[in-house]
């Protein structure tokens, strides 16, 4: 990773089984949709760095959606000082808070 690359942290969060890992795999790992059926549930957090659109490096955090994990995410040091975006199928993106 070049020091001149712009770096952004991206959290993929949502309910268990909502398609976070499938979306990540299709967009960043060139999976085809039917191949995502074999992906299992994410346990805790899966972390990776992905170069995207040339000079942008995304620090991806794919967060497991089980209730036991969700309760701890916002109190852990990993998820402080966030700018959240609420994404919903068929709706525009709107900021939740900064």
Protein backbone atom coordinates (compact mmCIF):
# COMPACT_ATOMS: atom_id res chain seq x y z
CA UNK A 1 0.00 0.00 0.00
CA UNK A 2 1.45 3.33 -1.06
CA UNK A 3 1.64 6.12 1.51
CA UNK A 4 0.00 8.42 -1.08
CA UNK A 5 -3.11 6.24 -1.28
CA UNK A 6 -6.27 7.64 0.28
CA UNK A 7 -7.47 5.24 2.99
CA UNK A 8 -11.03 4.82 4.24
CA UNK A 9 -12.50 2.44 6.81
CA UNK A 10 -15.75 0.76 5.73
CA UNK A 11 -17.93 -1.16 8.18
CA UNK A 12 -20.42 -3.63 6.75
CA UNK A 13 -23.04 -4.01 9.46
CA UNK A 14 -26.55 -5.40 9.55
CA UNK A 15 -28.67 -8.29 10.72
CA UNK A 16 -27.47 -11.86 10.38
CA UNK A 17 -28.19 -13.24 6.90
CA UNK A 18 -28.81 -9.83 5.31
CA UNK A 19 -26.10 -10.27 2.65
CA UNK A 20 -23.15 -8.21 3.93
CA UNK A 21 -20.53 -10.85 3.14
CA UNK A 22 -22.22 -11.69 -0.17
CA UNK A 23 -22.17 -8.02 -1.19
CA UNK A 24 -18.50 -7.71 -0.23
CA UNK A 25 -17.62 -10.89 -2.15
CA UNK A 26 -19.46 -9.82 -5.31
CA UNK A 27 -18.05 -6.28 -5.35
CA UNK A 28 -14.48 -6.85 -4.17
CA UNK A 29 -13.69 -10.54 -4.86
CA UNK A 30 -15.47 -11.01 -8.22
CA UNK A 31 -17.86 -13.69 -6.96
CA UNK A 32 -20.92 -14.37 -9.05
CA UNK A 33 -24.17 -14.18 -7.10
CA UNK A 34 -24.91 -17.92 -7.06
CA UNK A 35 -21.47 -18.66 -5.57
CA UNK A 36 -22.26 -16.61 -2.47
CA UNK A 37 -24.70 -19.31 -1.31
CA UNK A 38 -21.77 -21.34 -0.02
CA UNK A 39 -20.51 -18.52 2.22
CA UNK A 40 -21.07 -19.14 5.91
CA UNK A 41 -21.98 -16.70 8.64
CA UNK A 42 -19.29 -14.22 9.63
CA UNK A 43 -18.02 -14.87 13.14
CA UNK A 44 -17.12 -11.61 14.92
CA UNK A 45 -15.31 -9.46 12.28
CA UNK A 46 -13.49 -10.28 9.03
CA UNK A 47 -10.97 -7.60 8.12
CA UNK A 48 -9.33 -6.92 4.74
CA UNK A 49 -7.70 -4.15 2.69
CA UNK A 50 -8.90 -3.63 -0.88
CA UNK A 51 -7.55 -1.24 -3.51
CA UNK A 52 -10.53 0.39 -5.20
CA UNK A 53 -10.80 2.91 -8.04
CA UNK A 54 -7.05 3.37 -8.39
CA UNK A 55 -5.67 5.33 -5.46
CA UNK A 56 -8.30 4.47 -2.82
CA UNK A 57 -7.62 1.75 -0.26
CA UNK A 58 -10.65 0.49 1.64
CA UNK A 59 -10.09 -0.99 5.07
CA UNK A 60 -13.12 -3.33 5.08
CA UNK A 61 -14.64 -4.63 8.30
CA UNK A 62 -17.32 -7.25 7.62
CA UNK A 63 -19.12 -7.53 10.96
CA UNK A 64 -21.08 -10.61 11.94
CA UNK A 65 -24.77 -9.82 12.44
CA UNK A 66 -25.63 -12.19 15.27
CA UNK A 67 -27.08 -10.43 18.32
CA UNK A 68 -24.13 -11.43 20.52
CA UNK A 69 -21.73 -9.51 18.24
CA UNK A 70 -23.99 -6.53 17.53
CA UNK A 71 -24.28 -5.69 21.23
CA UNK A 72 -20.51 -5.19 21.49
CA UNK A 73 -19.68 -3.30 18.27
CA UNK A 74 -20.49 0.23 19.37
CA UNK A 75 -18.73 -0.10 22.70
CA UNK A 76 -15.53 -1.59 21.28
CA UNK A 77 -12.51 0.51 20.32
CA UNK A 78 -12.88 -0.63 16.69
CA UNK A 79 -16.01 1.41 16.05
CA UNK A 80 -15.52 4.79 17.71
CA UNK A 81 -15.68 8.18 15.96
CA UNK A 82 -17.79 6.96 13.05
CA UNK A 83 -19.71 8.71 10.32
CA UNK A 84 -22.62 6.34 9.74
CA UNK A 85 -24.62 5.91 6.56
CA UNK A 86 -27.94 4.09 6.59
CA UNK A 87 -28.37 1.92 3.49
CA UNK A 88 -31.73 0.40 2.70
CA UNK A 89 -32.80 -1.49 -0.39
CA UNK A 90 -34.71 0.85 -2.71
CA UNK A 91 -33.95 3.98 -0.69
CA UNK A 92 -31.38 6.75 -0.89
CA UNK A 93 -28.39 6.88 1.44
CA UNK A 94 -28.85 9.23 4.37
CA UNK A 95 -26.37 10.05 7.15
CA UNK A 96 -27.36 8.87 10.63
CA UNK A 97 -24.83 10.96 12.58
CA UNK A 98 -21.20 12.04 12.58
